[in-house]
PDB file of N, CA and C in Angstrom:
ATOM      1  N   VAL A   1       1.029  -1.110   0.076  1.00  0.00           N
ATOM      2  CA  VAL A   1       0.164   0.356   0.217  1.00  0.00           C
ATOM      3  C   VAL A   1       1.030   1.102   0.076  1.00  0.00           C
ATOM      4  N   SER A   2       0.556   2.233  -0.628  1.00  0.00           N
ATOM      5  CA  SER A   2       1.578   3.262  -0.764  1.00  0.00           C
ATOM      6  C   SER A   2       0.378   4.680  -0.799  1.00  0.00           C
ATOM      7  N   PRO A   3       1.315   5.593  -0.765  1.00  0.00           N
ATOM      8  CA  PRO A   3       0.081   7.210  -0.679  1.00  0.00           C
ATOM      9  C   PRO A   3      -0.501   7.308  -2.030  1.00  0.00           C
ATOM     10  N   ASP A   4      -0.388   6.450  -2.952  1.00  0.00           N
ATOM     11  CA  ASP A   4      -0.918   6.432  -4.088  1.00  0.00           C
ATOM     12  C   ASP A   4      -2.038   5.699  -4.282  1.00  0.00           C
ATOM     13  N   ASP A   5      -2.770   4.644  -3.356  1.00  0.00           N
ATOM     14  CA  ASP A   5      -3.945   4.656  -3.479  1.00  0.00           C
ATOM     15  C   ASP A   5      -4.722   5.272  -3.020  1.00  0.00           C
ATOM     16  N   GLY A   6      -4.466   6.261  -2.689  1.00  0.00           N
ATOM     17  CA  GLY A   6      -4.947   7.698  -2.234  1.00  0.00           C
ATOM     18  C   GLY A   6      -5.979   6.938  -0.700  1.00  0.00           C
ATOM     19  N   VAL A   7      -7.428   7.732  -0.919  1.00  0.00           N
ATOM     20  CA  VAL A   7      -8.849   7.285   0.062  1.00  0.00           C
ATOM     21  C   VAL A   7      -8.421   6.101   0.120  1.00  0.00           C
ATOM     22  N   PHE A   8      -7.759   5.476  -0.054  1.00  0.00           N
ATOM     23  CA  PHE A   8      -7.985   3.494   0.491  1.00  0.00           C
ATOM     24  C   PHE A   8      -6.994   3.402   1.303  1.00  0.00           C
ATOM     25  N   CYS A   9      -5.447   4.003   0.993  1.00  0.00           N
ATOM     26  CA  CYS A   9      -4.644   3.860   2.323  1.00  0.00           C
ATOM     27  C   CYS A   9      -4.626   3.716   3.528  1.00  0.00           C
ATOM     28  N   ASP A  10      -5.553   4.499   3.919  1.00  0.00           N
ATOM     29  CA  ASP A  10      -5.522   4.391   5.755  1.00  0.00           C
ATOM     30  C   ASP A  10      -6.864   2.561   6.070  1.00  0.00           C
ATOM     31  N   ALA A  11      -7.640   3.004   5.080  1.00  0.00           N
ATOM     32  CA  ALA A  11      -8.378   1.696   5.196  1.00  0.00           C
ATOM     33  C   ALA A  11      -8.161   0.192   4.828  1.00  0.00           C
ATOM     34  N   ILE A  12      -6.791   0.517   3.876  1.00  0.00           N
ATOM     35  CA  ILE A  12      -6.082  -0.995   3.847  1.00  0.00           C
ATOM     36  C   ILE A  12      -5.335  -1.023   4.819  1.00  0.00           C
ATOM     37  N   LEU A  13      -4.498  -0.160   5.426  1.00  0.00           N
ATOM     38  CA  LEU A  13      -3.543  -0.743   6.660  1.00  0.00           C
ATOM     39  C   LEU A  13      -4.391  -0.993   7.739  1.00  0.00           C
ATOM     40  N   TRP A  14      -5.398   0.062   8.255  1.00  0.00           N
ATOM     41  CA  TRP A  14      -6.716  -0.301   9.030  1.00  0.00           C
ATOM     42  C   TRP A  14      -6.837  -2.327   8.946  1.00  0.00           C
ATOM     43  N   ALA A  15      -7.069  -2.335   8.159  1.00  0.00           N
ATOM     44  CA  ALA A  15      -7.842  -3.921   7.744  1.00  0.00           C
ATOM     45  C   ALA A  15      -6.563  -4.687   7.798  1.00  0.00           C
ATOM     46  N   TYR A  16      -5.421  -4.465   7.242  1.00  0.00           N
ATOM     47  CA  TYR A  16      -4.205  -5.061   7.487  1.00  0.00           C
ATOM     48  C   TYR A  16      -3.788  -5.541   8.649  1.00  0.00           C
ATOM     49  N   THR A  17      -3.313  -3.942   9.536  1.00  0.00           N
ATOM     50  CA  THR A  17      -3.154  -4.145  10.732  1.00  0.00           C
ATOM     51  C   THR A  17      -3.746  -4.874  11.992  1.00  0.00           C
ATOM     52  N   ASN A  18      -4.951  -5.293  11.523  1.00  0.00           N
ATOM     53  CA  ASN A  18      -6.232  -5.648  12.510  1.00  0.00           C
ATOM     54  C   ASN A  18      -6.423  -7.038  11.958  1.00  0.00           C
ATOM     55  N   GLY A  19      -5.784  -7.499  11.230  1.00  0.00           N
ATOM     56  CA  GLY A  19      -5.965  -9.169  10.393  1.00  0.00           C
ATOM     57  C   GLY A  19      -7.194  -9.227  10.278  1.00  0.00           C
ATOM     58  N   ILE A  20      -7.869  -7.720   9.517  1.00  0.00           N
ATOM     59  CA  ILE A  20      -8.990  -8.404   8.885  1.00  0.00           C
ATOM     60  C   ILE A  20      -8.834  -9.122   7.001  1.00  0.00           C
ATOM     61  N   THR A  21      -7.949  -8.635   6.622  1.00  0.00           N
ATOM     62  CA  THR A  21      -7.076  -8.830   5.092  1.00  0.00           C
ATOM     63  C   THR A  21      -5.948  -8.874   5.409  1.00  0.00           C
ATOM     64  N   ALA A  22      -5.165  -9.823   4.564  1.00  0.00           N
ATOM     65  CA  ALA A  22      -4.066  -9.832   4.612  1.00  0.00           C
ATOM     66  C   ALA A  22      -3.443  -9.293   3.408  1.00  0.00           C
ATOM     67  N   GLY A  23      -4.835  -8.799   2.418  1.00  0.00           N
ATOM     68  CA  GLY A  23      -4.595  -8.544   0.608  1.00  0.00           C
ATOM     69  C   GLY A  23      -4.630  -9.632  -0.174  1.00  0.00           C
ATOM     70  N   THR A  24      -4.680  -9.286  -1.466  1.00  0.00           N
ATOM     71  CA  THR A  24      -4.199 -10.426  -2.625  1.00  0.00           C
ATOM     72  C   THR A  24      -3.122 -11.241  -2.527  1.00  0.00           C
ATOM     73  N   GLY A  25      -2.226 -10.675  -2.511  1.00  0.00           N
ATOM     74  CA  GLY A  25      -0.259 -11.346  -2.374  1.00  0.00           C
ATOM     75  C   GLY A  25       0.574 -10.697  -1.245  1.00  0.00           C
ATOM     76  N   LYS A  26       1.637 -11.097  -1.331  1.00  0.00           N
ATOM     77  CA  LYS A  26       2.960 -10.721  -0.347  1.00  0.00           C
ATOM     78  C   LYS A  26       3.132  -9.371  -0.438  1.00  0.00           C
ATOM     79  N   ASP A  27       2.892  -8.691  -1.444  1.00  0.00           N
ATOM     80  CA  ASP A  27       3.307  -7.099  -1.531  1.00  0.00           C
ATOM     81  C   ASP A  27       1.569  -6.567  -1.969  1.00  0.00           C
ATOM     82  N   THR A  28       0.578  -7.272  -2.454  1.00  0.00           N
ATOM     83  CA  THR A  28      -0.720  -6.294  -2.851  1.00  0.00           C
ATOM     84  C   THR A  28      -2.044  -6.426  -2.315  1.00  0.00           C
ATOM     85  N   PHE A  29      -2.609  -5.373  -2.304  1.00  0.00           N
ATOM     86  CA  PHE A  29      -3.958  -5.690  -1.973  1.00  0.00           C
ATOM     87  C   PHE A  29      -5.254  -5.527  -2.891  1.00  0.00           C
ATOM     88  N   SER A  30      -4.817  -5.244  -3.705  1.00  0.00           N
ATOM     89  CA  SER A  30      -5.730  -5.088  -5.125  1.00  0.00           C
ATOM     90  C   SER A  30      -6.960  -3.917  -4.893  1.00  0.00           C
ATOM     91  N   PRO A  31      -6.926  -2.864  -4.334  1.00  0.00           N
ATOM     92  CA  PRO A  31      -8.133  -2.487  -4.438  1.00  0.00           C
ATOM     93  C   PRO A  31      -9.384  -2.098  -5.180  1.00  0.00           C
ATOM     94  N   ASN A  32      -9.135  -1.976  -6.771  1.00  0.00           N
ATOM     95  CA  ASN A  32     -10.201  -2.340  -7.595  1.00  0.00           C
ATOM     96  C   ASN A  32     -10.748  -3.442  -8.054  1.00  0.00           C
ATOM     97  N   ALA A  33     -10.176  -4.663  -6.982  1.00  0.00           N
ATOM     98  CA  ALA A  33     -10.786  -5.790  -7.855  1.00  0.00           C
ATOM     99  C   ALA A  33     -12.174  -6.282  -6.816  1.00  0.00           C
ATOM    100  N   THR A  34     -12.718  -6.893  -7.439  1.00  0.00           N
ATOM    101  CA  THR A  34     -14.297  -7.363  -6.893  1.00  0.00           C
ATOM    102  C   THR A  34     -13.877  -8.552  -5.910  1.00  0.00           C
ATOM    103  N   CYS A  35     -15.097  -8.583  -4.426  1.00  0.00           N
ATOM    104  CA  CYS A  35     -14.741  -9.712  -3.679  1.00  0.00           C
ATOM    105  C   CYS A  35     -15.933 -10.017  -3.964  1.00  0.00           C
ATOM    106  N   THR A  36     -15.856 -11.356  -3.216  1.00  0.00           N
ATOM    107  CA  THR A  36     -16.749 -12.847  -3.111  1.00  0.00           C
ATOM    108  C   THR A  36     -17.548 -12.784  -1.968  1.00  0.00           C
ATOM    109  N   ARG A  37     -18.778 -13.272  -2.074  1.00  0.00           N
ATOM    110  CA  ARG A  37     -19.337 -13.086  -0.685  1.00  0.00           C
ATOM    111  C   ARG A  37     -18.785 -13.478   0.418  1.00  0.00           C
ATOM    112  N   ALA A  38     -17.978 -15.192   0.318  1.00  0.00           N
ATOM    113  CA  ALA A  38     -17.537 -15.462   1.218  1.00  0.00           C
ATOM    114  C   ALA A  38     -16.293 -14.602   2.060  1.00  0.00           C
ATOM    115  N   GLN A  39     -15.692 -13.521   0.537  1.00  0.00           N
ATOM    116  CA  GLN A  39     -14.504 -12.762   1.295  1.00  0.00           C
ATOM    117  C   GLN A  39     -15.304 -11.599   2.146  1.00  0.00           C
ATOM    118  N   ILE A  40     -16.128 -10.875   1.526  1.00  0.00           N
ATOM    119  CA  ILE A  40     -17.058  -9.741   2.391  1.00  0.00           C
ATOM    120  C   ILE A  40     -17.462 -10.238   4.065  1.00  0.00           C
ATOM    121  N   VAL A  41     -17.992 -11.725   4.031  1.00  0.00           N
ATOM    122  CA  VAL A  41     -18.713 -12.234   5.484  1.00  0.00           C
ATOM    123  C   VAL A  41     -17.418 -12.422   6.264  1.00  0.00           C
ATOM    124  N   THR A  42     -15.979 -12.864   5.355  1.00  0.00           N
ATOM    125  CA  THR A  42     -14.490 -13.501   6.085  1.00  0.00           C
ATOM    126  C   THR A  42     -14.748 -12.183   6.857  1.00  0.00           C
ATOM    127  N   PHE A  43     -14.450 -10.765   5.993  1.00  0.00           N
ATOM    128  CA  PHE A  43     -13.806  -9.489   6.243  1.00  0.00           C
ATOM    129  C   PHE A  43     -14.773  -8.843   7.833  1.00  0.00           C
ATOM    130  N   LEU A  44     -16.259  -9.401   7.499  1.00  0.00           N
ATOM    131  CA  LEU A  44     -17.045  -8.923   8.655  1.00  0.00           C
ATOM    132  C   LEU A  44     -17.085  -9.498   9.895  1.00  0.00           C
ATOM    133  N   TYR A  45     -16.659 -10.570  10.203  1.00  0.00           N
ATOM    134  CA  TYR A  45     -16.237 -11.820  10.862  1.00  0.00           C
ATOM    135  C   TYR A  45     -14.991 -11.309  11.688  1.00  0.00           C
ATOM    136  N   LYS A  46     -14.049 -11.486  10.857  1.00  0.00           N
ATOM    137  CA  LYS A  46     -12.738 -10.698  11.558  1.00  0.00           C
ATOM    138  C   LYS A  46     -13.180  -9.458  11.899  1.00  0.00           C
ATOM    139  N   ALA A  47     -13.336  -8.640  11.491  1.00  0.00           N
ATOM    140  CA  ALA A  47     -13.696  -7.229  11.882  1.00  0.00           C
ATOM    141  C   ALA A  47     -14.812  -7.127  13.486  1.00  0.00           C
ATOM    142  N   CYS A  48     -15.606  -7.887  13.712  1.00  0.00           N
ATOM    143  CA  CYS A  48     -16.378  -7.823  14.427  1.00  0.00           C
ATOM    144  C   CYS A  48     -15.785  -9.162  15.475  1.00  0.00           C
ATOM    145  N   GLY A  49     -14.705  -9.497  16.017  1.00  0.00           N
ATOM    146  CA  GLY A  49     -13.665 -10.110  16.378  1.00  0.00           C
ATOM    147  C   GLY A  49     -14.000 -11.940  16.423  1.00  0.00           C
ATOM    148  N   ASN A  50     -14.429 -12.199  15.077  1.00  0.00           N
ATOM    149  CA  ASN A  50     -14.221 -13.326  14.865  1.00  0.00           C
ATOM    150  C   ASN A  50     -15.754 -13.963  15.698  1.00  0.00           C
ATOM    151  N   GLY A  51     -16.081 -13.492  16.102  1.00  0.00           N
ATOM    152  CA  GLY A  51     -17.624 -13.596  16.485  1.00  0.00           C
ATOM    153  C   GLY A  51     -17.928 -15.192  16.989  1.00  0.00           C
ATOM    154  N   ALA A  52     -18.973 -15.804  17.854  1.00  0.00           N
ATOM    155  CA  ALA A  52     -18.650 -16.673  18.839  1.00  0.00           C
ATOM    156  C   ALA A  52     -19.125 -18.149  17.831  1.00  0.00           C
ATOM    157  N   GLU A  53     -18.485 -19.426  18.695  1.00  0.00           N
ATOM    158  CA  GLU A  53     -18.694 -20.651  17.912  1.00  0.00           C
ATOM    159  C   GLU A  53     -20.090 -20.721  17.737  1.00  0.00           C
ATOM    160  N   ALA A  54     -20.363 -21.126  15.965  1.00  0.00           N
ATOM    161  CA  ALA A  54     -21.645 -20.708  15.318  1.00  0.00           C
ATOM    162  C   ALA A  54     -22.054 -22.435  14.755  1.00  0.00           C
ATOM    163  N   PRO A  55     -23.077 -23.501  15.280  1.00  0.00           N
ATOM    164  CA  PRO A  55     -23.035 -24.439  14.344  1.00  0.00           C
ATOM    165  C   PRO A  55     -23.246 -24.450  12.705  1.00  0.00           C
ATOM    166  N   ALA A  56     -21.861 -25.507  12.125  1.00  0.00           N
ATOM    167  CA  ALA A  56     -21.871 -25.197  10.778  1.00  0.00           C
ATOM    168  C   ALA A  56     -23.068 -25.060   9.478  1.00  0.00           C
ATOM    169  N   ALA A  57     -23.266 -24.094   8.858  1.00  0.00           N
ATOM    170  CA  ALA A  57     -24.291 -23.964   8.112  1.00  0.00           C
ATOM    171  C   ALA A  57     -24.168 -24.795   7.096  1.00  0.00           C
ATOM    172  N   SER A  58     -25.641 -25.260   6.460  1.00  0.00           N
ATOM    173  CA  SER A  58     -25.772 -26.507   5.926  1.00  0.00           C
ATOM    174  C   SER A  58     -25.732 -25.750   4.676  1.00  0.00           C
ATOM    175  N   PHE A  59     -24.913 -25.568   3.849  1.00  0.00           N
ATOM    176  CA  PHE A  59     -24.999 -24.968   2.498  1.00  0.00           C
ATOM    177  C   PHE A  59     -23.873 -26.002   2.018  1.00  0.00           C
ATOM    178  N   LYS A  60     -23.828 -26.337   0.710  1.00  0.00           N
ATOM    179  CA  LYS A  60     -23.310 -27.623  -0.150  1.00  0.00           C
ATOM    180  C   LYS A  60     -22.209 -26.900  -1.065  1.00  0.00           C
ATOM    181  N   ASP A  61     -22.175 -25.129  -0.822  1.00  0.00           N
ATOM    182  CA  ASP A  61     -20.907 -24.862  -1.308  1.00  0.00           C
ATOM    183  C   ASP A  61     -20.409 -23.718  -0.263  1.00  0.00           C
ATOM    184  N   VAL A  62     -20.375 -24.666   0.857  1.00  0.00           N
ATOM    185  CA  VAL A  62     -19.630 -24.410   2.046  1.00  0.00           C
ATOM    186  C   VAL A  62     -18.393 -25.430   2.903  1.00  0.00           C
ATOM    187  N   PRO A  63     -17.654 -26.084   2.044  1.00  0.00           N
ATOM    188  CA  PRO A  63     -16.993 -27.033   2.580  1.00  0.00           C
ATOM    189  C   PRO A  63     -16.420 -26.638   3.703  1.00  0.00           C
ATOM    190  N   GLN A  64     -16.617 -27.486   4.710  1.00  0.00           N
ATOM    191  CA  GLN A  64     -16.090 -27.468   6.175  1.00  0.00           C
ATOM    192  C   GLN A  64     -14.994 -27.143   6.715  1.00  0.00           C
ATOM    193  N   ASP A  65     -14.171 -27.134   5.654  1.00  0.00           N
ATOM    194  CA  ASP A  65     -12.602 -26.792   5.880  1.00  0.00           C
ATOM    195  C   ASP A  65     -12.272 -25.356   4.643  1.00  0.00           C
ATOM    196  N   ALA A  66     -13.341 -24.891   4.785  1.00  0.00           N
ATOM    197  CA  ALA A  66     -12.615 -23.932   4.064  1.00  0.00           C
ATOM    198  C   ALA A  66     -12.923 -22.762   4.638  1.00  0.00           C
ATOM    199  N   TYR A  67     -11.988 -21.563   4.109  1.00  0.00           N
ATOM    200  CA  TYR A  67     -11.366 -20.237   5.112  1.00  0.00           C
ATOM    201  C   TYR A  67     -12.894 -19.428   5.822  1.00  0.00           C
ATOM    202  N   PHE A  68     -13.681 -19.639   5.171  1.00  0.00           N
ATOM    203  CA  PHE A  68     -14.591 -19.032   5.107  1.00  0.00           C
ATOM    204  C   PHE A  68     -15.882 -19.729   5.647  1.00  0.00           C
ATOM    205  N   ALA A  69     -15.517 -21.108   5.915  1.00  0.00           N
ATOM    206  CA  ALA A  69     -16.870 -21.974   6.908  1.00  0.00           C
ATOM    207  C   ALA A  69     -17.241 -21.297   8.181  1.00  0.00           C
ATOM    208  N   ALA A  70     -16.328 -20.859   9.565  1.00  0.00           N
ATOM    209  CA  ALA A  70     -16.620 -20.063  10.116  1.00  0.00           C
ATOM    210  C   ALA A  70     -17.270 -18.860  10.128  1.00  0.00           C
ATOM    211  N   PRO A  71     -16.799 -18.439   9.219  1.00  0.00           N
ATOM    212  CA  PRO A  71     -17.693 -16.760   8.940  1.00  0.00           C
ATOM    213  C   PRO A  71     -19.184 -16.890   8.323  1.00  0.00           C
ATOM    214  N   VAL A  72     -19.168 -17.459   7.574  1.00  0.00           N
ATOM    215  CA  VAL A  72     -20.768 -17.967   7.382  1.00  0.00           C
ATOM    216  C   VAL A  72     -21.655 -18.538   7.787  1.00  0.00           C
ATOM    217  N   ALA A  73     -20.992 -19.799   8.859  1.00  0.00           N
ATOM    218  CA  ALA A  73     -21.640 -19.750  10.355  1.00  0.00           C
ATOM    219  C   ALA A  73     -22.128 -18.934  11.104  1.00  0.00           C
ATOM    220  N   TRP A  74     -21.493 -18.205  11.134  1.00  0.00           N
ATOM    221  CA  TRP A  74     -21.345 -17.163  12.632  1.00  0.00           C
ATOM    222  C   TRP A  74     -22.558 -15.586  11.727  1.00  0.00           C
ATOM    223  N   ALA A  75     -22.317 -16.021  10.119  1.00  0.00           N
ATOM    224  CA  ALA A  75     -23.585 -14.760   9.653  1.00  0.00           C
ATOM    225  C   ALA A  75     -24.349 -15.098   9.636  1.00  0.00           C
ATOM    226  N   PHE A  76     -24.883 -16.750   8.915  1.00  0.00           N
ATOM    227  CA  PHE A  76     -26.346 -17.333   9.012  1.00  0.00           C
ATOM    228  C   PHE A  76     -26.428 -17.393  10.537  1.00  0.00           C
ATOM    229  N   ALA A  77     -26.185 -17.937  11.496  1.00  0.00           N
ATOM    230  CA  ALA A  77     -26.641 -17.642  12.810  1.00  0.00           C
ATOM    231  C   ALA A  77     -26.988 -16.697  13.461  1.00  0.00           C
ATOM    232  N   ASN A  78     -26.388 -15.728  12.811  1.00  0.00           N
ATOM    233  CA  ASN A  78     -26.547 -14.012  13.093  1.00  0.00           C
ATOM    234  C   ASN A  78     -27.700 -13.769  12.647  1.00  0.00           C
ATOM    235  N   GLY A  79     -27.975 -13.886  11.503  1.00  0.00           N
ATOM    236  CA  GLY A  79     -28.931 -13.487  10.713  1.00  0.00           C
ATOM    237  C   GLY A  79     -28.896 -12.393   9.816  1.00  0.00           C
ATOM    238  N   ILE A  80     -27.593 -12.367   9.857  1.00  0.00           N
ATOM    239  CA  ILE A  80     -26.996 -11.303   8.740  1.00  0.00           C
ATOM    240  C   ILE A  80     -26.862 -11.668   7.510  1.00  0.00           C
ATOM    241  N   THR A  81     -26.720 -13.218   6.852  1.00  0.00           N
ATOM    242  CA  THR A  81     -27.396 -13.931   5.674  1.00  0.00           C
ATOM    243  C   THR A  81     -27.818 -14.794   5.671  1.00  0.00           C
ATOM    244  N   ALA A  82     -29.392 -15.303   5.137  1.00  0.00           N
ATOM    245  CA  ALA A  82     -29.889 -16.928   4.588  1.00  0.00           C
ATOM    246  C   ALA A  82     -28.977 -17.500   3.582  1.00  0.00           C
ATOM    247  N   GLY A  83     -28.336 -16.632   2.851  1.00  0.00           N
ATOM    248  CA  GLY A  83     -27.912 -17.372   1.447  1.00  0.00           C
ATOM    249  C   GLY A  83     -28.552 -17.131   0.425  1.00  0.00           C
ATOM    250  N   THR A  84     -27.944 -17.531  -0.821  1.00  0.00           N
ATOM    251  CA  THR A  84     -28.404 -16.825  -1.734  1.00  0.00           C
ATOM    252  C   THR A  84     -29.752 -17.971  -2.352  1.00  0.00           C
ATOM    253  N   SER A  85     -29.424 -19.274  -1.567  1.00  0.00           N
ATOM    254  CA  SER A  85     -31.098 -20.274  -1.697  1.00  0.00           C
ATOM    255  C   SER A  85     -31.175 -21.059  -0.145  1.00  0.00           C
ATOM    256  N   ALA A  86     -31.835 -22.165  -0.479  1.00  0.00           N
ATOM    257  CA  ALA A  86     -32.145 -22.353   1.145  1.00  0.00           C
ATOM    258  C   ALA A  86     -30.599 -23.787   1.084  1.00  0.00           C
ATOM    259  N   THR A  87     -29.799 -23.831  -0.039  1.00  0.00           N
ATOM    260  CA  THR A  87     -29.169 -24.875   0.095  1.00  0.00           C
ATOM    261  C   THR A  87     -27.573 -24.320  -0.384  1.00  0.00           C
ATOM    262  N   THR A  88     -27.439 -22.950  -0.775  1.00  0.00           N
ATOM    263  CA  THR A  88     -26.375 -22.529  -1.329  1.00  0.00           C
ATOM    264  C   THR A  88     -26.144 -21.052  -0.111  1.00  0.00           C
ATOM    265  N   PHE A  89     -25.024 -20.808  -0.676  1.00  0.00           N
ATOM    266  CA  PHE A  89     -24.483 -19.383   0.276  1.00  0.00           C
ATOM    267  C   PHE A  89     -23.967 -18.787  -0.575  1.00  0.00           C
ATOM    268  N   GLY A  90     -23.735 -18.914  -1.880  1.00  0.00           N
ATOM    269  CA  GLY A  90     -23.094 -18.462  -3.038  1.00  0.00           C
ATOM    270  C   GLY A  90     -21.571 -17.814  -3.068  1.00  0.00           C
ATOM    271  N   ALA A  91     -20.507 -18.463  -2.087  1.00  0.00           N
ATOM    272  CA  ALA A  91     -19.345 -18.228  -1.656  1.00  0.00           C
ATOM    273  C   ALA A  91     -18.599 -17.884  -2.614  1.00  0.00           C
ATOM    274  N   ASN A  92     -18.483 -18.058  -4.087  1.00  0.00           N
ATOM    275  CA  ASN A  92     -17.589 -17.558  -4.520  1.00  0.00           C
ATOM    276  C   ASN A  92     -17.866 -16.463  -5.591  1.00  0.00           C
ATOM    277  N   ALA A  93     -19.170 -16.088  -5.402  1.00  0.00           N
ATOM    278  CA  ALA A  93     -20.179 -15.267  -6.249  1.00  0.00           C
ATOM    279  C   ALA A  93     -19.791 -13.765  -5.887  1.00  0.00           C
ATOM    280  N   THR A  94     -19.873 -12.818  -6.749  1.00  0.00           N
ATOM    281  CA  THR A  94     -19.652 -11.525  -6.570  1.00  0.00           C
ATOM    282  C   THR A  94     -20.140 -11.082  -5.359  1.00  0.00           C
ATOM    283  N   CYS A  95     -19.833 -10.106  -4.603  1.00  0.00           N
ATOM    284  CA  CYS A  95     -20.915  -9.620  -3.765  1.00  0.00           C
ATOM    285  C   CYS A  95     -21.336  -8.456  -4.437  1.00  0.00           C
ATOM    286  N   THR A  96     -22.349  -8.295  -3.958  1.00  0.00           N
ATOM    287  CA  THR A  96     -23.063  -6.562  -4.812  1.00  0.00           C
ATOM    288  C   THR A  96     -22.769  -5.588  -4.535  1.00  0.00           C
ATOM    289  N   ARG A  97     -23.322  -4.450  -4.349  1.00  0.00           N
ATOM    290  CA  ARG A  97     -22.769  -2.926  -3.533  1.00  0.00           C
ATOM    291  C   ARG A  97     -24.035  -3.200  -2.268  1.00  0.00           C
ATOM    292  N   ALA A  98     -25.643  -3.972  -2.639  1.00  0.00           N
ATOM    293  CA  ALA A  98     -26.488  -3.893  -1.729  1.00  0.00           C
ATOM    294  C   ALA A  98     -26.437  -5.655  -1.119  1.00  0.00           C
ATOM    295  N   GLN A  99     -25.577  -6.728  -1.443  1.00  0.00           N
ATOM    296  CA  GLN A  99     -25.708  -7.059  -0.264  1.00  0.00           C
ATOM    297  C   GLN A  99     -24.467  -7.141   0.739  1.00  0.00           C
ATOM    298  N   ALA A 100     -23.349  -6.017  -0.129  1.00  0.00           N
ATOM    299  CA  ALA A 100     -22.472  -5.571   1.152  1.00  0.00           C
ATOM    300  C   ALA A 100     -22.996  -4.982   2.166  1.00  0.00           C
ATOM    301  N   VAL A 101     -23.705  -3.762   1.465  1.00  0.00           N
ATOM    302  CA  VAL A 101     -24.404  -2.814   3.023  1.00  0.00           C
ATOM    303  C   VAL A 101     -25.406  -3.444   3.677  1.00  0.00           C
ATOM    304  N   THR A 102     -26.082  -4.728   3.424  1.00  0.00           N
ATOM    305  CA  THR A 102     -26.978  -5.357   3.879  1.00  0.00           C
ATOM    306  C   THR A 102     -26.389  -5.917   4.647  1.00  0.00           C
ATOM    307  N   PHE A 103     -25.256  -6.764   4.209  1.00  0.00           N
ATOM    308  CA  PHE A 103     -24.597  -7.358   5.502  1.00  0.00           C
ATOM    309  C   PHE A 103     -23.882  -6.305   6.567  1.00  0.00           C
ATOM    310  N   LEU A 104     -23.511  -5.316   6.383  1.00  0.00           N
ATOM    311  CA  LEU A 104     -22.971  -4.444   7.223  1.00  0.00           C
ATOM    312  C   LEU A 104     -23.893  -3.621   7.944  1.00  0.00           C
ATOM    313  N   TYR A 105     -25.253  -3.892   7.712  1.00  0.00           N
ATOM    314  CA  TYR A 105     -26.583  -2.762   8.018  1.00  0.00           C
ATOM    315  C   TYR A 105     -26.448  -4.128   9.355  1.00  0.00           C
ATOM    316  N   LYS A 106     -26.451  -5.625   9.483  1.00  0.00           N
ATOM    317  CA  LYS A 106     -27.206  -6.447  10.066  1.00  0.00           C
ATOM    318  C   LYS A 106     -26.175  -6.723  11.059  1.00  0.00           C
ATOM    319  N   ALA A 107     -25.118  -6.628  10.350  1.00  0.00           N
ATOM    320  CA  ALA A 107     -23.550  -6.646  11.312  1.00  0.00           C
ATOM    321  C   ALA A 107     -23.333  -5.603  12.556  1.00  0.00           C
ATOM    322  N   ASN A 108     -23.981  -4.477  11.967  1.00  0.00           N
ATOM    323  CA  ASN A 108     -24.072  -2.961  12.920  1.00  0.00           C
ATOM    324  C   ASN A 108     -25.095  -3.531  14.218  1.00  0.00           C
ATOM    325  N   GLN A 109     -26.217  -4.145  13.529  1.00  0.00           N
ATOM    326  CA  GLN A 109     -27.334  -4.597  14.677  1.00  0.00           C
ATOM    327  C   GLN A 109     -26.637  -5.591  15.524  1.00  0.00           C
ATOM    328  N   LEU A 110     -26.000  -5.999  15.764  1.00  0.00           N
ATOM    329  CA  LEU A 110     -25.191  -6.991  16.609  1.00  0.00           C
ATOM    330  C   LEU A 110     -24.665  -6.128  17.752  1.00  0.00           C
ATOM    331  N   GLU A 111     -24.129  -5.341  17.229  1.00  0.00           N
ATOM    332  CA  GLU A 111     -23.103  -4.264  18.477  1.00  0.00           C
ATOM    333  C   GLU A 111     -24.325  -3.323  19.021  1.00  0.00           C
ATOM    334  N   THR A 112     -25.589  -3.343  18.737  1.00  0.00           N
ATOM    335  CA  THR A 112     -26.272  -2.159  19.884  1.00  0.00           C
ATOM    336  C   THR A 112     -27.272  -3.151  20.366  1.00  0.00           C
TER     337      THR A 112
END
C-alpha cells in the first residue's frame, strides 16, 4: 500500500494491521478488484472479533474446511445472511453493493 492508493490507504492499513485481510498477495491488496460473498463475510467476521462459535451452516457450497466456513456459519447464525437459496451461500459469487451494505447493516445491529 502506498500513498498513491489515495482514499483507500488508511482503510487498507487498518484492515491489514487488524488482521481483517492479508491482501491478495505478499505485497498487494488490489483495491479495485471485486470481492466474493465469502470474502465480505470473512471481513465482517474478523472485524467483529471472529464472532462466537456457531453450528456449521448447511450450505452445500461451503466446505467445512474452507477458510470461510466459520464466518459463514457465524453470519447465518446471527441473521446477517440466509444464503442465496435454502441450500447455497453463493460463496464464490461477486458480492453486490446491495448485499455488502445489507451485511454491514445487519452486523451493525449485533453491536447495539
